[in-house]
Every structure is written in C-alpha cells, then in structure tokens.
Amino acid sequence: MMQPEQIKQLIEHGLAGAQVNVSGDGQHFEAHVVSDACAGKTMVQQHQLVYRALGDKMKQEIHALSIRTYTPEQWAQQASGSA
C-alpha cells in the first residue's frame, strides 16, 4: 500500500525542484505540486507531468489521486488569498 510520503518522493524525483505536499489514506490521495515546470502549460499538461513522475504506480498502486498544480507565482497568490 502506498503512503503519502512515497508519492511525495516520487513526484519530487520526477519534477526536480518541486515543492510537494501529499495527504491521503492509503488509497485516496491529494497532491499539491508547486513547480517552475508548470509555467506556460495547460492544467492537463501540468497533471501529465505529475502522472509521468508517478509512472506505473498510477495504474497499480494508487487508486485515486486529486492533483492541484501551481507555478511558484500562482502558489504565492494562492497563499496570500489574492488568487
């Protein structure tokens, strides 16, 4: 069974320099990913970056994953409440 920390490490390894927070219960997870790699990409393209970082784990070990992706600038706006 996957743990949130394992998913966090996989995403961080696949997206160098990303800030990642993952929570979950072993089957259902939520990930917040802040990365420069998200800049200039659509939401679908951003999520594909995360899926690629997780590889086959998405097909086999992770039942459900909710993803929220941000550029560092978007995250700063989100954190300040002005998004």
Protein backbone atom coordinates (compact mmCIF):
# COMPACT_ATOMS: atom_id res chain seq x y z
CA MET A 1 0.00 0.00 0.00
CA MET A 2 1.37 3.40 -1.00
CA GLN A 3 1.89 6.05 1.64
CA PRO A 4 1.66 9.82 1.08
CA GLU A 5 5.40 10.25 1.72
CA GLN A 6 6.24 7.71 -1.02
CA ILE A 7 4.09 9.58 -3.54
CA LYS A 8 5.67 12.87 -2.47
CA GLN A 9 9.15 11.44 -3.07
CA LEU A 10 8.22 10.06 -6.50
CA ILE A 11 6.84 13.42 -7.62
CA GLU A 12 9.85 15.32 -6.24
CA HIS A 13 12.19 12.92 -8.03
CA GLY A 14 10.29 13.33 -11.32
CA LEU A 15 9.96 17.12 -11.04
CA ALA A 16 13.27 18.42 -9.77
CA GLY A 17 12.88 21.43 -7.50
CA ALA A 18 9.14 20.94 -6.99
CA GLN A 19 7.53 21.64 -3.64
CA VAL A 20 5.11 18.77 -2.98
CA ASN A 21 2.55 18.07 -0.27
CA VAL A 22 0.59 14.81 -0.34
CA SER A 23 -2.10 13.63 2.04
CA GLY A 24 -4.21 10.51 1.92
CA ASP A 25 -5.44 7.30 3.48
CA GLY A 26 -3.51 4.68 1.52
CA GLN A 27 -5.92 4.53 -1.42
CA HIS A 28 -7.18 8.07 -1.99
CA PHE A 29 -4.65 10.89 -2.11
CA GLU A 30 -4.47 14.63 -2.68
CA ALA A 31 -1.31 16.26 -4.01
CA HIS A 32 -0.37 19.94 -4.18
CA VAL A 33 2.56 20.48 -6.52
CA VAL A 34 4.39 23.78 -6.95
CA SER A 35 6.90 23.73 -9.80
CA ASP A 36 8.52 26.01 -12.36
CA ALA A 37 7.80 23.19 -14.84
CA CYS A 38 4.10 24.17 -14.71
CA ALA A 39 4.77 27.59 -16.26
CA GLY A 40 3.24 28.04 -19.70
CA LYS A 41 1.41 24.70 -19.60
CA THR A 42 -2.30 23.93 -19.51
CA MET A 43 -3.73 22.23 -16.44
CA VAL A 44 -3.87 18.94 -18.38
CA GLN A 45 -0.19 19.25 -19.33
CA GLN A 46 0.71 20.07 -15.72
CA HIS A 47 -1.14 16.99 -14.47
CA GLN A 48 0.58 14.86 -17.12
CA LEU A 49 3.92 15.92 -15.62
CA VAL A 50 2.79 14.52 -12.28
CA TYR A 51 1.43 11.32 -13.84
CA ARG A 52 4.73 10.78 -15.65
CA ALA A 53 6.62 11.20 -12.37
CA LEU A 54 4.42 8.51 -10.80
CA GLY A 55 4.70 6.12 -13.75
CA ASP A 56 3.09 2.71 -13.34
CA LYS A 57 2.22 3.45 -9.71
CA MET A 58 -0.86 5.30 -11.02
CA LYS A 59 -2.09 2.12 -12.72
CA GLN A 60 -1.26 -0.34 -9.99
CA GLU A 61 -0.87 1.10 -6.51
CA ILE A 62 -2.64 4.47 -6.40
CA HIS A 63 -6.40 4.12 -6.54
CA ALA A 64 -7.29 7.82 -6.71
CA LEU A 65 -5.24 10.99 -6.80
CA SER A 66 -6.53 14.54 -6.78
CA ILE A 67 -3.88 16.89 -8.17
CA ARG A 68 -3.56 20.65 -7.78
CA THR A 69 -0.65 22.17 -9.66
CA TYR A 70 0.77 25.68 -9.40
CA THR A 71 3.66 27.74 -10.62
CA PRO A 72 5.55 29.41 -7.75
CA GLU A 73 3.84 32.69 -8.66
CA GLN A 74 0.37 31.12 -8.59
CA TRP A 75 1.16 29.47 -5.26
CA ALA A 76 2.25 32.81 -3.78
CA GLN A 77 -1.04 34.36 -4.91
CA GLN A 78 -2.99 31.40 -3.51
CA ALA A 79 -1.18 31.67 -0.18
CA SER A 80 -1.88 35.39 0.07
CA GLY A 81 -5.55 34.90 -0.75
CA SER A 82 -5.46 37.11 -3.84
CA ALA A 83 -5.87 34.38 -6.43
